[in-house]
Amino acid sequence: MWRSLLLGKLAISIAVSLLVGGFCIWSLRKPDLATTEYSSWLGIGIFFLALAAVQVAMVAMMFRKKKFD
């Protein structure tokens, strides 16, 4: 039961991280951004996309079965 709750929370977190990261990267298309604004939007976007990747890796690790010798 705890695994399904954790996977549900991770699925929601992955979806939100992808949405926020995608929005931040999409916001870079504005032509009137200063260099500092551009770099901050880019940094935030990369952070959230990397966060989603780490969470996907955690889900994959949860499904991996441990082998005991």
N, C-alpha and C. Protein backbone atom coordinates (compact mmCIF):
# COMPACT_ATOMS: atom_id res chain seq x y z
N MET A 1 0.81 -1.19 0.00
CA MET A 1 0.00 0.00 0.00
C MET A 1 0.87 1.26 0.00
N TRP A 2 1.91 1.26 0.79
CA TRP A 2 2.75 2.45 0.86
C TRP A 2 3.42 2.73 -0.48
N ARG A 3 3.71 1.66 -1.24
CA ARG A 3 4.36 1.84 -2.54
C ARG A 3 3.41 2.53 -3.52
N SER A 4 2.13 2.17 -3.50
CA SER A 4 1.19 2.82 -4.43
C SER A 4 0.97 4.28 -4.05
N LEU A 5 0.95 4.58 -2.76
CA LEU A 5 0.83 5.99 -2.35
C LEU A 5 2.05 6.79 -2.78
N LEU A 6 3.22 6.21 -2.59
CA LEU A 6 4.45 6.90 -2.97
C LEU A 6 4.54 7.08 -4.48
N LEU A 7 4.13 6.06 -5.23
CA LEU A 7 4.16 6.18 -6.68
C LEU A 7 3.15 7.22 -7.18
N GLY A 8 2.01 7.32 -6.52
CA GLY A 8 1.03 8.34 -6.89
C GLY A 8 1.56 9.75 -6.65
N LYS A 9 2.18 9.93 -5.50
CA LYS A 9 2.77 11.24 -5.20
C LYS A 9 3.91 11.57 -6.17
N LEU A 10 4.73 10.58 -6.48
CA LEU A 10 5.82 10.81 -7.43
C LEU A 10 5.30 11.11 -8.83
N ALA A 11 4.22 10.44 -9.22
CA ALA A 11 3.66 10.70 -10.55
C ALA A 11 3.15 12.13 -10.65
N ILE A 12 2.48 12.60 -9.62
CA ILE A 12 2.00 13.98 -9.61
C ILE A 12 3.18 14.95 -9.60
N SER A 13 4.20 14.65 -8.82
CA SER A 13 5.37 15.51 -8.74
C SER A 13 6.13 15.55 -10.07
N ILE A 14 6.21 14.42 -10.75
CA ILE A 14 6.88 14.37 -12.05
C ILE A 14 6.13 15.22 -13.06
N ALA A 15 4.80 15.09 -13.07
CA ALA A 15 3.98 15.86 -14.01
C ALA A 15 4.11 17.36 -13.76
N VAL A 16 4.08 17.76 -12.50
CA VAL A 16 4.19 19.18 -12.18
C VAL A 16 5.59 19.70 -12.50
N SER A 17 6.61 18.91 -12.23
CA SER A 17 7.98 19.34 -12.55
C SER A 17 8.16 19.51 -14.05
N LEU A 18 7.58 18.61 -14.83
CA LEU A 18 7.67 18.76 -16.28
C LEU A 18 6.92 19.99 -16.76
N LEU A 19 5.75 20.25 -16.18
CA LEU A 19 4.99 21.44 -16.57
C LEU A 19 5.73 22.73 -16.23
N VAL A 20 6.26 22.81 -15.02
CA VAL A 20 6.97 24.03 -14.60
C VAL A 20 8.25 24.21 -15.42
N GLY A 21 9.01 23.13 -15.60
CA GLY A 21 10.23 23.22 -16.40
C GLY A 21 9.94 23.59 -17.84
N GLY A 22 8.90 22.99 -18.41
CA GLY A 22 8.51 23.33 -19.78
C GLY A 22 8.05 24.76 -19.91
N PHE A 23 7.30 25.24 -18.92
CA PHE A 23 6.86 26.64 -18.94
C PHE A 23 8.04 27.60 -18.86
N CYS A 24 9.00 27.29 -18.01
CA CYS A 24 10.18 28.16 -17.88
C CYS A 24 10.99 28.19 -19.18
N ILE A 25 11.16 27.04 -19.80
CA ILE A 25 11.89 27.00 -21.07
C ILE A 25 11.09 27.71 -22.16
N TRP A 26 9.77 27.52 -22.16
CA TRP A 26 8.90 28.16 -23.15
C TRP A 26 8.93 29.68 -22.99
N SER A 27 9.10 30.18 -21.77
CA SER A 27 9.13 31.61 -21.52
C SER A 27 10.36 32.28 -22.12
N LEU A 28 11.34 31.51 -22.51
CA LEU A 28 12.55 32.08 -23.10
C LEU A 28 12.31 32.59 -24.51
N ARG A 29 11.17 32.31 -25.09
CA ARG A 29 10.88 32.73 -26.45
C ARG A 29 10.55 34.22 -26.55
N LYS A 30 10.36 34.89 -25.42
CA LYS A 30 10.07 36.32 -25.44
C LYS A 30 11.31 37.07 -25.90
N PRO A 31 11.17 37.96 -26.87
CA PRO A 31 12.36 38.65 -27.41
C PRO A 31 12.89 39.76 -26.50
N ASP A 32 12.12 40.21 -25.54
CA ASP A 32 12.54 41.37 -24.74
C ASP A 32 13.15 40.98 -23.39
N LEU A 33 13.71 39.80 -23.26
CA LEU A 33 14.31 39.38 -22.01
C LEU A 33 15.75 39.88 -21.91
N ALA A 34 16.10 40.36 -20.72
CA ALA A 34 17.49 40.74 -20.47
C ALA A 34 18.31 39.48 -20.22
N THR A 35 19.60 39.62 -20.20
CA THR A 35 20.49 38.47 -20.03
C THR A 35 20.27 37.80 -18.67
N THR A 36 20.09 38.60 -17.63
CA THR A 36 19.89 38.01 -16.31
C THR A 36 18.55 37.29 -16.22
N GLU A 37 17.52 37.85 -16.82
CA GLU A 37 16.23 37.18 -16.84
C GLU A 37 16.30 35.89 -17.63
N TYR A 38 16.98 35.94 -18.76
CA TYR A 38 17.12 34.76 -19.61
C TYR A 38 17.83 33.64 -18.86
N SER A 39 18.91 33.97 -18.19
CA SER A 39 19.67 32.95 -17.48
C SER A 39 18.91 32.41 -16.28
N SER A 40 18.15 33.25 -15.59
CA SER A 40 17.38 32.76 -14.45
C SER A 40 16.24 31.84 -14.90
N TRP A 41 15.53 32.21 -15.98
CA TRP A 41 14.48 31.34 -16.51
C TRP A 41 15.08 30.02 -16.98
N LEU A 42 16.23 30.08 -17.64
CA LEU A 42 16.89 28.87 -18.12
C LEU A 42 17.32 27.99 -16.96
N GLY A 43 17.89 28.58 -15.93
CA GLY A 43 18.33 27.81 -14.76
C GLY A 43 17.18 27.14 -14.04
N ILE A 44 16.09 27.87 -13.87
CA ILE A 44 14.92 27.29 -13.20
C ILE A 44 14.33 26.16 -14.04
N GLY A 45 14.26 26.37 -15.36
CA GLY A 45 13.73 25.34 -16.24
C GLY A 45 14.56 24.08 -16.23
N ILE A 46 15.87 24.23 -16.29
CA ILE A 46 16.77 23.07 -16.26
C ILE A 46 16.66 22.36 -14.92
N PHE A 47 16.55 23.12 -13.83
CA PHE A 47 16.42 22.51 -12.51
C PHE A 47 15.18 21.62 -12.43
N PHE A 48 14.03 22.13 -12.87
CA PHE A 48 12.80 21.35 -12.77
C PHE A 48 12.80 20.16 -13.72
N LEU A 49 13.38 20.30 -14.90
CA LEU A 49 13.47 19.15 -15.81
C LEU A 49 14.42 18.09 -15.25
N ALA A 50 15.51 18.51 -14.63
CA ALA A 50 16.43 17.56 -13.99
C ALA A 50 15.76 16.89 -12.79
N LEU A 51 14.96 17.64 -12.05
CA LEU A 51 14.22 17.09 -10.92
C LEU A 51 13.27 16.00 -11.39
N ALA A 52 12.59 16.24 -12.50
CA ALA A 52 11.69 15.22 -13.05
C ALA A 52 12.48 13.98 -13.47
N ALA A 53 13.65 14.17 -14.06
CA ALA A 53 14.47 13.02 -14.47
C ALA A 53 14.92 12.20 -13.27
N VAL A 54 15.29 12.86 -12.20
CA VAL A 54 15.71 12.15 -10.98
C VAL A 54 14.53 11.39 -10.39
N GLN A 55 13.35 11.98 -10.42
CA GLN A 55 12.18 11.30 -9.89
C GLN A 55 11.80 10.09 -10.73
N VAL A 56 11.96 10.18 -12.03
CA VAL A 56 11.71 9.01 -12.89
C VAL A 56 12.71 7.92 -12.57
N ALA A 57 13.95 8.29 -12.32
CA ALA A 57 14.97 7.30 -11.94
C ALA A 57 14.61 6.64 -10.60
N MET A 58 14.06 7.40 -9.67
CA MET A 58 13.65 6.83 -8.39
C MET A 58 12.51 5.83 -8.57
N VAL A 59 11.57 6.13 -9.45
CA VAL A 59 10.48 5.18 -9.72
C VAL A 59 11.05 3.91 -10.33
N ALA A 60 12.00 4.04 -11.24
CA ALA A 60 12.63 2.87 -11.84
C ALA A 60 13.36 2.05 -10.80
N MET A 61 14.01 2.70 -9.85
CA MET A 61 14.71 1.98 -8.79
C MET A 61 13.73 1.27 -7.86
N MET A 62 12.55 1.84 -7.68
CA MET A 62 11.55 1.19 -6.82
C MET A 62 11.05 -0.10 -7.45
N PHE A 63 10.98 -0.15 -8.78
CA PHE A 63 10.49 -1.35 -9.45
C PHE A 63 11.57 -2.40 -9.63
N ARG A 64 12.81 -2.02 -9.45
CA ARG A 64 13.90 -2.99 -9.58
C ARG A 64 13.88 -3.91 -8.37
N LYS A 65 13.94 -5.19 -8.61
CA LYS A 65 13.91 -6.16 -7.51
C LYS A 65 15.33 -6.40 -7.00
N LYS A 66 15.45 -6.48 -5.70
CA LYS A 66 16.75 -6.75 -5.11
C LYS A 66 16.99 -8.26 -5.11
N LYS A 67 18.22 -8.62 -5.41
CA LYS A 67 18.61 -10.02 -5.40
C LYS A 67 19.52 -10.25 -4.21
N PHE A 68 19.13 -11.17 -3.38
CA PHE A 68 19.95 -11.50 -2.22
C PHE A 68 20.61 -12.84 -2.45
N ASP A 69 21.91 -12.88 -2.24
CA ASP A 69 22.66 -14.14 -2.44
C ASP A 69 22.65 -14.98 -1.21
